[in-house]
Protein backbone atom coordinates (compact mmCIF):
# COMPACT_ATOMS: atom_id res chain seq x y z
CA UNK A 1 -60.02 -47.53 -70.72
CA UNK A 2 -61.68 -46.32 -74.24
CA UNK A 3 -65.12 -43.84 -73.92
CA UNK A 4 -67.94 -43.93 -75.44
CA UNK A 5 -69.93 -40.81 -74.46
CA UNK A 6 -73.24 -41.06 -75.32
CA UNK A 7 -73.79 -43.83 -77.99
CA UNK A 8 -77.30 -44.71 -79.64
CA UNK A 9 -78.56 -48.33 -78.78
CA UNK A 10 -78.02 -49.64 -81.80
CA UNK A 11 -74.25 -49.97 -81.10
CA UNK A 12 -74.94 -51.01 -77.07
CA UNK A 13 -74.22 -54.82 -78.31
CA UNK A 14 -71.48 -54.35 -79.79
CA UNK A 15 -69.97 -52.05 -76.65
CA UNK A 16 -71.14 -54.89 -73.92
CA UNK A 17 -69.69 -57.77 -76.34
CA UNK A 18 -66.20 -59.53 -74.39
CA UNK A 19 -63.46 -60.58 -75.79
CA UNK A 20 -63.74 -64.48 -78.61
CA UNK A 21 -60.68 -66.57 -78.13
CA UNK A 22 -60.49 -69.24 -80.70
CA UNK A 23 -60.77 -72.26 -78.64
CA UNK A 24 -60.83 -74.48 -80.96
CA UNK A 25 -56.64 -75.83 -80.60
CA UNK A 26 -56.62 -75.32 -76.52
CA UNK A 27 -60.24 -77.84 -76.86
CA UNK A 28 -58.23 -79.92 -78.05
CA UNK A 29 -55.93 -80.14 -75.23
CA UNK A 30 -57.92 -80.21 -73.19
CA UNK A 31 -59.77 -83.07 -74.66
CA UNK A 32 -56.52 -85.13 -74.72
CA UNK A 33 -55.34 -84.74 -71.14
CA UNK A 34 -59.05 -85.32 -69.65
CA UNK A 35 -58.89 -89.24 -71.84
CA UNK A 36 -55.87 -89.87 -70.28
CA UNK A 37 -56.27 -89.29 -66.51
CA UNK A 38 -58.95 -91.47 -67.00
CA UNK A 39 -57.39 -94.37 -68.81
CA UNK A 40 -54.11 -93.68 -66.43
CA UNK A 41 -55.71 -92.31 -63.64
CA UNK A 42 -52.99 -91.10 -60.42
CA UNK A 43 -50.02 -92.18 -63.10
CA UNK A 44 -51.29 -89.41 -65.66
CA UNK A 45 -52.29 -86.35 -63.18
CA UNK A 46 -48.94 -87.10 -61.71
CA UNK A 47 -47.34 -86.91 -65.00
CA UNK A 48 -49.28 -83.74 -66.12
CA UNK A 49 -48.16 -82.07 -62.16
CA UNK A 50 -45.00 -81.97 -63.40
CA UNK A 51 -45.22 -81.54 -66.94
CA UNK A 52 -47.75 -78.12 -66.11
CA UNK A 53 -46.55 -77.37 -62.71
CA UNK A 54 -43.22 -79.06 -62.63
CA UNK A 55 -43.89 -80.37 -59.32
CA UNK A 56 -42.90 -84.63 -59.07
CA UNK A 57 -45.17 -85.91 -56.08
CA UNK A 58 -44.83 -89.37 -54.84
CA UNK A 59 -48.68 -89.52 -54.00
CA UNK A 60 -51.67 -86.39 -54.53
CA UNK A 61 -53.41 -86.56 -51.15
CA UNK A 62 -53.41 -83.56 -48.68
CA UNK A 63 -51.99 -85.66 -44.83
CA UNK A 64 -52.15 -84.85 -41.53
CA UNK A 65 -48.79 -83.62 -41.06
CA UNK A 66 -49.44 -81.35 -43.61
CA UNK A 67 -52.23 -79.60 -42.76
CA UNK A 68 -51.04 -79.83 -38.90
CA UNK A 69 -47.65 -77.60 -40.66
CA UNK A 70 -50.03 -75.26 -42.47
CA UNK A 71 -52.11 -75.13 -39.16
CA UNK A 72 -49.10 -73.08 -37.85
CA UNK A 73 -47.77 -71.06 -40.24
CA UNK A 74 -51.03 -69.16 -41.06
CA UNK A 75 -50.90 -65.97 -38.98
CA UNK A 76 -53.38 -65.49 -35.48
CA UNK A 77 -55.13 -62.74 -37.29
CA UNK A 78 -55.42 -64.26 -40.74
CA UNK A 79 -57.14 -67.38 -38.88
CA UNK A 80 -59.27 -64.93 -37.52
CA UNK A 81 -60.42 -63.00 -40.32
CA UNK A 82 -60.79 -66.51 -41.77
CA UNK A 83 -63.00 -67.52 -39.58
CA UNK A 84 -65.12 -64.30 -39.34
CA UNK A 85 -65.41 -65.12 -43.38
CA UNK A 86 -66.72 -68.78 -42.87
CA UNK A 87 -69.19 -67.57 -40.03
CA UNK A 88 -70.85 -64.54 -41.99
CA UNK A 89 -70.46 -66.92 -44.93
CA UNK A 90 -73.09 -69.46 -43.02
CA UNK A 91 -75.05 -67.78 -41.81
CA UNK A 92 -76.06 -66.05 -44.86
CA UNK A 93 -76.50 -69.48 -46.70
CA UNK A 94 -77.85 -71.56 -43.88
CA UNK A 95 -80.86 -68.62 -44.50
CA UNK A 96 -81.65 -69.87 -47.66
CA UNK A 97 -83.04 -73.68 -46.40
CA UNK A 98 -85.28 -74.95 -48.48
CA UNK A 99 -88.81 -75.46 -46.19
CA UNK A 100 -91.17 -78.41 -47.82
CA UNK A 101 -94.80 -77.81 -48.23
CA UNK A 102 -97.12 -80.29 -49.23
CA UNK A 103 -100.06 -79.40 -51.38
CA UNK A 104 -103.15 -80.55 -52.18
CA UNK A 105 -103.95 -79.67 -55.40
CA UNK A 106 -107.32 -81.89 -55.68
CA UNK A 107 -108.95 -83.73 -53.20
CA UNK A 108 -107.13 -86.58 -52.29
CA UNK A 109 -104.40 -86.12 -54.68
CA UNK A 110 -101.04 -84.61 -52.52
CA UNK A 111 -98.01 -83.47 -54.00
CA UNK A 112 -94.55 -82.02 -52.78
CA UNK A 113 -91.01 -81.86 -52.44
CA UNK A 114 -87.83 -82.78 -51.13
CA UNK A 115 -84.71 -80.88 -50.83
CA UNK A 116 -81.46 -83.98 -51.58
CA UNK A 117 -78.16 -82.73 -51.11
CA UNK A 118 -75.28 -83.32 -53.41
CA UNK A 119 -73.43 -87.28 -52.12
CA UNK A 120 -70.47 -85.92 -53.44
CA UNK A 121 -69.40 -82.95 -54.79
CA UNK A 122 -65.83 -81.82 -56.20
CA UNK A 123 -63.90 -77.96 -55.55
CA UNK A 124 -61.76 -76.62 -58.26
CA UNK A 125 -59.69 -74.09 -56.17
CA UNK A 126 -57.20 -72.47 -58.10
CA UNK A 127 -53.44 -71.78 -56.91
CA UNK A 128 -50.63 -70.31 -59.22
CA UNK A 129 -50.59 -65.94 -58.57
CA UNK A 130 -53.75 -65.69 -56.40
CA UNK A 131 -54.15 -69.13 -54.09
CA UNK A 132 -57.75 -68.51 -54.06
CA UNK A 133 -58.68 -69.62 -49.90
CA UNK A 134 -61.46 -67.65 -50.14
CA UNK A 135 -62.99 -69.06 -52.36
CA UNK A 136 -63.08 -72.48 -50.50
CA UNK A 137 -65.03 -70.61 -47.85
CA UNK A 138 -67.24 -69.74 -51.04
CA UNK A 139 -67.80 -72.80 -51.99
CA UNK A 140 -67.39 -75.78 -48.99
CA UNK A 141 -69.36 -73.72 -46.28
CA UNK A 142 -73.01 -74.01 -48.29
CA UNK A 143 -71.63 -77.76 -49.18
CA UNK A 144 -70.95 -78.87 -45.76
CA UNK A 145 -75.16 -77.03 -44.87
CA UNK A 146 -76.50 -78.65 -47.56
CA UNK A 147 -74.64 -82.11 -45.71
CA UNK A 148 -72.99 -83.42 -48.57
CA UNK A 149 -71.41 -85.77 -47.50
CA UNK A 150 -68.20 -86.23 -50.00
CA UNK A 151 -66.38 -82.73 -49.93
CA UNK A 152 -63.53 -83.19 -52.23
CA UNK A 153 -61.18 -80.22 -52.74
CA UNK A 154 -58.17 -80.25 -55.51
CA UNK A 155 -55.76 -77.56 -55.63
CA UNK A 156 -52.25 -77.20 -57.49
CA UNK A 157 -49.33 -77.31 -55.25
CA UNK A 158 -46.11 -75.02 -56.07
CA UNK A 159 -42.93 -76.28 -56.95
CA UNK A 160 -41.62 -77.63 -52.92
CA UNK A 161 -45.72 -79.91 -53.72
CA UNK A 162 -47.24 -77.62 -51.35
CA UNK A 163 -50.30 -76.43 -51.19
CA UNK A 164 -50.90 -72.93 -49.58
CA UNK A 165 -51.18 -73.21 -45.84
CA UNK A 166 -54.33 -70.11 -45.45
CA UNK A 167 -56.10 -72.94 -48.42
CA UNK A 168 -55.30 -75.49 -46.15
CA UNK A 169 -56.32 -73.87 -43.41
CA UNK A 170 -59.63 -72.21 -44.66
CA UNK A 171 -60.60 -76.17 -45.88
CA UNK A 172 -60.29 -77.71 -42.50
CA UNK A 173 -62.20 -74.50 -41.07
CA UNK A 174 -65.12 -74.90 -43.57
CA UNK A 175 -65.52 -79.10 -43.59
CA UNK A 176 -63.32 -80.14 -46.97
CA UNK A 177 -63.49 -84.16 -46.56
CA UNK A 178 -60.18 -84.41 -48.80
CA UNK A 179 -57.28 -82.65 -50.34
CA UNK A 180 -55.71 -83.65 -53.01
CA UNK A 181 -52.94 -81.77 -54.98
CA UNK A 182 -53.81 -80.80 -58.75
CA UNK A 183 -54.06 -78.12 -60.90
CA UNK A 184 -55.25 -77.91 -64.20
CA UNK A 185 -57.37 -80.30 -66.87
CA UNK A 186 -56.03 -83.06 -64.94
CA UNK A 187 -58.20 -82.30 -61.63
CA UNK A 188 -60.78 -81.78 -63.93
CA UNK A 189 -60.17 -85.08 -64.84
CA UNK A 190 -59.49 -86.91 -61.50
CA UNK A 191 -62.94 -86.08 -60.06
CA UNK A 192 -65.07 -85.99 -62.76
CA UNK A 193 -63.98 -89.96 -63.82
CA UNK A 194 -62.59 -90.73 -60.16
CA UNK A 195 -58.73 -92.68 -59.80
CA UNK A 196 -56.80 -94.23 -57.52
CA UNK A 197 -56.44 -91.97 -55.24
CA UNK A 198 -58.75 -89.13 -55.74
CA UNK A 199 -62.85 -89.89 -55.87
CA UNK A 200 -65.12 -89.40 -58.05
CA UNK A 201 -67.90 -86.61 -57.83
CA UNK A 202 -71.10 -85.47 -58.85
CA UNK A 203 -70.64 -81.90 -59.66
CA UNK A 204 -67.91 -79.53 -59.87
CA UNK A 205 -67.40 -76.18 -58.62
CA UNK A 206 -64.88 -73.44 -59.24
CA UNK A 207 -63.15 -70.89 -61.20
CA UNK A 208 -59.99 -71.17 -63.36
CA UNK A 209 -58.66 -70.34 -66.66
CA UNK A 210 -59.54 -70.86 -70.28
CA UNK A 211 -57.87 -74.40 -69.98
CA UNK A 212 -60.28 -75.35 -66.73
CA UNK A 213 -62.99 -73.77 -68.09
CA UNK A 214 -63.36 -75.90 -70.96
CA UNK A 215 -62.15 -78.57 -69.21
CA UNK A 216 -65.41 -78.05 -67.13
CA UNK A 217 -67.77 -78.37 -70.47
CA UNK A 218 -66.16 -81.51 -71.76
CA UNK A 219 -67.20 -83.31 -68.69
CA UNK A 220 -70.27 -81.73 -68.01
CA UNK A 221 -71.88 -83.36 -71.48
CA UNK A 222 -71.50 -86.66 -70.26
CA UNK A 223 -69.16 -86.96 -66.88
CA UNK A 224 -70.25 -84.93 -64.19
CA UNK A 225 -72.71 -81.79 -63.67
CA UNK A 226 -70.20 -78.28 -62.96
CA UNK A 227 -72.45 -74.71 -61.28
CA UNK A 228 -71.91 -72.86 -64.68
CA UNK A 229 -70.12 -71.80 -67.42
CA UNK A 230 -67.65 -68.63 -66.92
CA UNK A 231 -65.41 -67.03 -68.34
CA UNK A 232 -62.74 -64.35 -66.90
CA UNK A 233 -63.82 -61.71 -64.01
CA UNK A 234 -65.39 -58.87 -64.15
CA UNK A 235 -67.30 -55.77 -62.76
CA UNK A 236 -69.51 -52.87 -63.93
CA UNK A 237 -70.21 -49.48 -62.15
CA UNK A 238 -72.83 -47.12 -62.05
CA UNK A 239 -71.70 -43.83 -60.87
CA UNK A 240 -73.04 -40.22 -60.43
CA UNK A 241 -72.38 -36.90 -59.86
CA UNK A 242 -71.93 -37.89 -56.44
CA UNK A 243 -69.85 -40.79 -57.03
CA UNK A 244 -66.26 -41.40 -54.86
CA UNK A 245 -64.00 -41.32 -57.68
CA UNK A 246 -61.10 -42.42 -55.66
CA UNK A 247 -63.51 -45.43 -54.56
CA UNK A 248 -64.55 -45.97 -57.96
CA UNK A 249 -61.35 -46.41 -59.60
CA UNK A 250 -60.90 -48.60 -56.50
CA UNK A 251 -63.69 -51.19 -57.70
CA UNK A 252 -62.32 -51.20 -61.10
CA UNK A 253 -58.76 -51.73 -60.27
CA UNK A 254 -59.82 -54.65 -57.66
CA UNK A 255 -61.51 -56.79 -61.38
CA UNK A 256 -58.44 -55.52 -63.41
CA UNK A 257 -56.17 -57.36 -61.15
CA UNK A 258 -57.16 -60.37 -61.43
CA UNK A 259 -55.85 -61.35 -65.08
CA UNK A 260 -54.78 -59.14 -68.65
CA UNK A 261 -58.02 -60.90 -69.43
CA UNK A 262 -60.62 -59.04 -67.09
CA UNK A 263 -62.89 -56.64 -68.13
CA UNK A 264 -63.35 -53.49 -65.54
CA UNK A 265 -67.17 -51.40 -67.10
CA UNK A 266 -67.97 -48.21 -65.65
CA UNK A 267 -70.93 -46.37 -67.11
CA UNK A 268 -71.49 -43.12 -65.93
CA UNK A 269 -74.61 -39.91 -66.14
CA UNK A 270 -71.59 -37.31 -65.32
CA UNK A 271 -68.39 -36.53 -67.76
CA UNK A 272 -66.47 -34.66 -64.96
CA UNK A 273 -66.73 -37.61 -63.57
CA UNK A 274 -64.88 -39.37 -65.68
CA UNK A 275 -61.72 -37.06 -65.75
CA UNK A 276 -61.88 -37.72 -61.74
CA UNK A 277 -62.16 -41.52 -62.52
CA UNK A 278 -59.08 -41.48 -65.03
CA UNK A 279 -56.97 -39.37 -62.57
CA UNK A 280 -57.59 -41.99 -59.84
CA UNK A 281 -56.75 -44.68 -62.06
CA UNK A 282 -53.48 -43.84 -62.63
CA UNK A 283 -52.66 -43.06 -59.36
CA UNK A 284 -53.65 -46.09 -57.68
CA UNK A 285 -52.28 -48.22 -60.37
CA UNK A 286 -49.15 -47.34 -59.96
CA UNK A 287 -48.79 -48.83 -56.14
CA UNK A 288 -50.41 -51.67 -57.50
CA UNK A 289 -48.14 -55.36 -57.27
CA UNK A 290 -49.76 -56.65 -60.00
CA UNK A 291 -49.80 -52.66 -62.21
CA UNK A 292 -48.68 -55.00 -65.80
CA UNK A 293 -52.03 -57.37 -65.27
CA UNK A 294 -54.53 -55.09 -64.33
CA UNK A 295 -53.09 -52.08 -67.58
CA UNK A 296 -53.90 -55.16 -69.63
CA UNK A 297 -57.12 -55.29 -68.24
CA UNK A 298 -57.85 -51.66 -68.51
CA UNK A 299 -56.56 -51.32 -71.97
CA UNK A 300 -59.96 -54.51 -72.84
CA UNK A 301 -62.10 -52.37 -70.85
CA UNK A 302 -64.37 -49.21 -70.89
CA UNK A 303 -66.19 -46.21 -69.74
CA UNK A 304 -69.33 -45.21 -71.35
CA UNK A 305 -71.29 -41.55 -70.70
CA UNK A 306 -75.73 -42.00 -71.33
CA UNK A 307 -78.08 -39.23 -71.29
CA UNK A 308 -79.49 -40.60 -67.70
CA UNK A 309 -79.73 -43.42 -64.61
CA UNK A 310 -82.81 -44.66 -66.67
CA UNK A 311 -80.45 -45.57 -69.73
CA UNK A 312 -77.11 -46.75 -67.77
CA UNK A 313 -79.29 -49.66 -65.97
CA UNK A 314 -81.13 -50.68 -69.24
CA UNK A 315 -77.09 -50.45 -70.38
CA UNK A 316 -76.01 -52.99 -67.33
CA UNK A 317 -79.29 -54.86 -67.69
CA UNK A 318 -77.73 -56.09 -71.42
CA UNK A 319 -73.92 -55.74 -70.16
CA UNK A 320 -74.73 -58.41 -67.22
CA UNK A 321 -72.28 -58.15 -65.38
CA UNK A 322 -70.64 -60.59 -62.92
CA UNK A 323 -70.11 -57.85 -60.33
CA UNK A 324 -71.99 -54.59 -60.48
CA UNK A 325 -71.64 -51.21 -57.97
CA UNK A 326 -73.81 -49.24 -57.64
CA UNK A 327 -72.85 -45.39 -56.55
CA UNK A 328 -75.10 -43.47 -57.70
CA UNK A 329 -77.34 -40.60 -54.95
CA UNK A 330 -80.26 -42.86 -54.97
CA UNK A 331 -78.88 -46.44 -54.98
CA UNK A 332 -82.29 -48.27 -53.68
CA UNK A 333 -84.37 -47.00 -56.79
CA UNK A 334 -82.02 -48.07 -59.23
CA UNK A 335 -80.58 -51.24 -57.80
CA UNK A 336 -84.65 -52.25 -58.09
CA UNK A 337 -84.55 -51.83 -61.80
CA UNK A 338 -81.99 -54.56 -61.70
CA UNK A 339 -82.25 -57.75 -63.53
CA UNK A 340 -79.15 -59.47 -64.81
CA UNK A 341 -76.53 -59.17 -62.07
CA UNK A 342 -73.91 -61.86 -60.56
CA UNK A 343 -74.28 -59.43 -57.19
CA UNK A 344 -74.93 -56.01 -55.86
CA UNK A 345 -73.47 -54.03 -54.12
CA UNK A 346 -74.85 -50.63 -53.07
CA UNK A 347 -73.63 -46.89 -51.77
CA UNK A 348 -70.07 -45.84 -51.65
CA UNK A 349 -69.19 -48.42 -49.10
CA UNK A 350 -69.81 -51.97 -50.69
CA UNK A 351 -67.01 -52.45 -52.23
CA UNK A 352 -66.95 -55.63 -54.36
CA UNK A 353 -64.32 -56.96 -52.50
CA UNK A 354 -66.37 -56.92 -49.39
CA UNK A 355 -68.30 -60.13 -50.92
CA UNK A 356 -64.98 -61.33 -52.36
CA UNK A 357 -64.32 -62.10 -48.90
CA UNK A 358 -66.30 -61.44 -45.49
CA UNK A 359 -69.53 -59.97 -45.74
CA UNK A 360 -71.73 -63.14 -46.20
CA UNK A 361 -72.55 -63.48 -50.27
CA UNK A 362 -71.07 -65.78 -52.18
CA UNK A 363 -68.89 -64.21 -54.60
CA UNK A 364 -68.19 -67.74 -57.37
CA UNK A 365 -70.68 -66.02 -60.00
CA UNK A 366 -72.11 -66.51 -63.55
CA UNK A 367 -69.85 -64.27 -65.91
CA UNK A 368 -69.22 -63.57 -70.23
CA UNK A 369 -73.21 -62.41 -70.03
CA UNK A 370 -74.40 -66.15 -68.31
CA UNK A 371 -76.36 -63.50 -65.31
CA UNK A 372 -79.61 -63.23 -68.62
CA UNK A 373 -79.24 -66.80 -67.26
CA UNK A 374 -77.99 -68.74 -63.86
CA UNK A 375 -77.00 -67.32 -60.52
CA UNK A 376 -74.25 -67.48 -58.61
CA UNK A 377 -73.75 -70.50 -56.03
CA UNK A 378 -75.39 -70.57 -53.06
CA UNK A 379 -77.27 -73.29 -51.36
CA UNK A 380 -79.44 -74.92 -53.60
CA UNK A 381 -76.48 -75.92 -56.29
CA UNK A 382 -75.82 -78.32 -53.83
CA UNK A 383 -79.03 -80.12 -53.58
CA UNK A 384 -81.86 -81.61 -55.65
CA UNK A 385 -85.12 -80.92 -55.46
CA UNK A 386 -86.88 -84.66 -55.16
CA UNK A 387 -91.08 -84.39 -55.99
CA UNK A 388 -93.38 -86.63 -54.06
CA UNK A 389 -97.13 -87.62 -55.15
CA UNK A 390 -99.80 -89.58 -52.96
CA UNK A 391 -102.89 -90.44 -54.37
CA UNK A 392 -106.07 -91.08 -52.43
CA UNK A 393 -109.69 -93.14 -54.14
CA UNK A 394 -111.00 -90.10 -53.99
CA UNK A 395 -107.82 -88.83 -55.85
CA UNK A 396 -107.94 -91.33 -58.87
CA UNK A 397 -112.15 -89.84 -59.33
CA UNK A 398 -110.92 -86.18 -59.30
CA UNK A 399 -108.08 -86.85 -62.52
CA UNK A 400 -108.50 -90.24 -63.33
CA UNK A 401 -110.10 -90.29 -66.51
CA UNK A 402 -107.97 -86.46 -67.18
CA UNK A 403 -105.21 -88.74 -67.22
CA UNK A 404 -106.68 -91.56 -69.72
CA UNK A 405 -108.22 -88.99 -72.33
CA UNK A 406 -104.63 -87.19 -72.09
CA UNK A 407 -102.60 -90.34 -72.53
CA UNK A 408 -105.20 -91.61 -75.08
CA UNK A 409 -104.61 -88.47 -77.12
CA UNK A 410 -101.34 -88.81 -77.33
CA UNK A 411 -101.08 -92.99 -78.21
CA UNK A 412 -99.67 -93.81 -75.36
CA UNK A 413 -101.97 -96.58 -74.27
CA UNK A 414 -99.95 -98.42 -71.98
CA UNK A 415 -99.91 -94.69 -69.65
CA UNK A 416 -104.34 -94.69 -70.47
CA UNK A 417 -104.09 -98.33 -68.74
CA UNK A 418 -102.25 -97.95 -65.78
CA UNK A 419 -104.58 -95.55 -64.75
CA UNK A 420 -107.89 -97.25 -65.96
CA UNK A 421 -107.00 -100.78 -64.12
CA UNK A 422 -106.93 -97.98 -60.71
CA UNK A 423 -110.57 -96.24 -61.82
CA UNK A 424 -111.45 -99.92 -62.54
CA UNK A 425 -110.54 -100.75 -58.91
CA UNK A 426 -112.58 -98.82 -57.58
CA UNK A 427 -116.23 -99.50 -59.51
CA UNK A 428 -115.36 -103.38 -58.11
């Protein structure tokens, strides 16, 4: 990891900058695939599955027999772990239910909101080197709680045309309606436009590689909503001299193993702690099966030594990390100053992995600095707020003239007249 000691504030913007990639060629490829899927539907999706995932699929939808087979392949212990995680995710997200309240802004003028679920949602679950069945729980559980009528899931199959069995089991537990064998850009296109087999959805959720992210952003311009823009996974750890170097190194590596483009960031007030963490990183890295991936991520990552905890949290807020681990003696005081972060983990035992899997919070979070403006997926992500209002005769008397004056000032005479005719009706 790159070490920076006591940087000036003028250097901070450069320090927190994420790697920038030239995506012009990538965007052209994505646009071409999306256009093809839009035009040729299932045939195009199957063609790209053969080209990119190297599997010739007779059909896209996962069958009941395949789900039954998956149930037998997942161990009892893993199934119980998935069920425990699902229960906690369900409990936490059920606590987020919207409670509507009617408000009388003036006598006779009543306004309120109703939360309405998005009817059709699409979930993208990466397969590849790390089949993220935990993400199925994170995305499908709140969708089910919200009341989405159709929950569609797309995930890439292996070369035998099979979907990872844990993904199928998690989908059954969380309440997914339909599952399709499709990955990458073609999956996003299928859910955005609809095909002969895959239903069109109104909003797409889920992580993915650069191609998937580019596809989500392109279809969001005209065709479908998306959860949030996103980039590679990242974690920031704030530590003082009381932190556990073994724990901190483990937290840094847990994100570094996601991908070579992941980024980990340690901010500390202790120079001695830097040496301790580096020793632990070297030791733990050797034992990782994904050692080469994690090593590349560490090369793009950094340790920053700052003067005090005030500067540490200020730098973290500037970075706006996806995950923020606070391992300090006074972690509650530090946490109170957090402004920009996707999800925060407090104290030495709250590892980021707990939130990734089973504590109950959602692990679909804003990355690449988007935590300054976006929150992670929650129950509201699957809902729309519809506003209502009701005016009585008294309500017209209370606000009618103000409406007339404002509409006239904006030179919108028809708007003014819509209220004027009601005012006049009260004089008869």
